[in-house]
Amino acid sequence: MYPGVIVRVNPQQQAGESFVLSNGAGVALMPLRPGNYCFEAYDQKGNALRLDTKQPVCFSVAQNETTEVGVVVQTQ
């Protein structure tokens, strides 16, 4: 992920959303409750970024575990 990318995370089974901004190294940390989530990425102007079509945009978080998810933005 690039620096300054806004990631919106939505739970699949309930209403709500969370946002996080990637830091200078392109890393973003977000605490989430166990469940299933999907994400989207935006630039700092709010424009949706095209994600790599090979990566899944949904993931699961298990109780008492750390889940690492990569957000890969298409460059072209």
Protein backbone atom coordinates (compact mmCIF):
# COMPACT_ATOMS: atom_id res chain seq x y z
CA MET A 1 0.00 0.00 0.00
CA TYR A 2 1.12 3.56 -0.59
CA PRO A 3 1.41 6.33 2.01
CA GLY A 4 -1.74 8.39 2.50
CA VAL A 5 -4.23 5.78 1.29
CA ILE A 6 -7.58 5.79 3.08
CA VAL A 7 -8.98 2.30 3.64
CA ARG A 8 -12.67 1.84 4.40
CA VAL A 9 -13.53 -1.43 6.13
CA ASN A 10 -17.15 -2.66 6.26
CA PRO A 11 -18.41 -5.58 8.34
CA GLN A 12 -20.36 -8.05 6.20
CA GLN A 13 -22.95 -9.10 8.78
CA GLN A 14 -23.83 -5.74 10.34
CA ALA A 15 -24.04 -2.03 9.64
CA GLY A 16 -21.08 0.25 10.20
CA GLU A 17 -17.77 1.15 8.72
CA SER A 18 -14.27 2.07 9.87
CA PHE A 19 -11.60 4.16 8.21
CA VAL A 20 -7.82 4.15 8.53
CA LEU A 21 -5.08 6.20 6.83
CA SER A 22 -1.83 4.50 5.83
CA ASN A 23 1.34 6.04 7.27
CA GLY A 24 4.53 7.13 5.46
CA ALA A 25 5.58 3.49 5.05
CA GLY A 26 2.18 2.55 3.59
CA VAL A 27 1.13 0.65 6.72
CA ALA A 28 -2.20 1.02 8.50
CA LEU A 29 -3.30 -0.68 11.71
CA MET A 30 -6.94 -1.10 12.73
CA PRO A 31 -8.40 -3.02 15.66
CA LEU A 32 -11.45 -5.03 14.57
CA ARG A 33 -13.82 -7.37 16.39
CA PRO A 34 -14.03 -10.98 15.18
CA GLY A 35 -16.08 -11.25 12.00
CA ASN A 36 -16.05 -10.96 8.24
CA TYR A 37 -15.08 -7.71 6.52
CA CYS A 38 -14.55 -6.20 3.08
CA PHE A 39 -12.50 -3.13 2.19
CA GLU A 40 -12.16 -0.35 -0.37
CA ALA A 41 -9.34 2.17 -0.84
CA TYR A 42 -9.44 5.91 -1.58
CA ASP A 43 -6.97 8.68 -2.21
CA GLN A 44 -6.93 11.70 0.08
CA LYS A 45 -9.37 13.53 -2.19
CA GLY A 46 -11.93 10.75 -1.73
CA ASN A 47 -11.50 9.17 -5.16
CA ALA A 48 -11.84 5.39 -5.23
CA LEU A 49 -8.59 3.61 -6.06
CA ARG A 50 -8.52 0.62 -8.37
CA LEU A 51 -7.41 -2.46 -6.47
CA ASP A 52 -5.45 -5.36 -7.92
CA THR A 53 -8.07 -7.73 -9.35
CA LYS A 54 -6.12 -10.78 -8.12
CA GLN A 55 -6.43 -9.89 -4.44
CA PRO A 56 -9.46 -10.73 -2.33
CA VAL A 57 -11.19 -7.67 -0.88
CA CYS A 58 -12.92 -9.58 1.90
CA PHE A 59 -11.30 -11.24 4.90
CA SER A 60 -12.08 -12.79 8.29
CA VAL A 61 -10.86 -11.82 11.75
CA ALA A 62 -10.76 -14.57 14.41
CA GLN A 63 -10.96 -14.10 18.18
CA ASN A 64 -7.56 -13.52 19.87
CA GLU A 65 -5.64 -13.57 16.58
CA THR A 66 -3.87 -10.97 14.47
CA THR A 67 -4.91 -10.83 10.82
CA GLU A 68 -2.70 -9.19 8.22
CA VAL A 69 -4.36 -7.99 5.02
CA GLY A 70 -2.55 -6.44 2.07
CA VAL A 71 -4.26 -3.71 0.07
CA VAL A 72 -2.72 -3.70 -3.41
CA VAL A 73 -3.53 -0.66 -5.53
CA GLN A 74 -3.24 -0.85 -9.33
CA THR A 75 -0.69 1.63 -10.65
CA GLN A 76 -2.18 1.88 -14.14
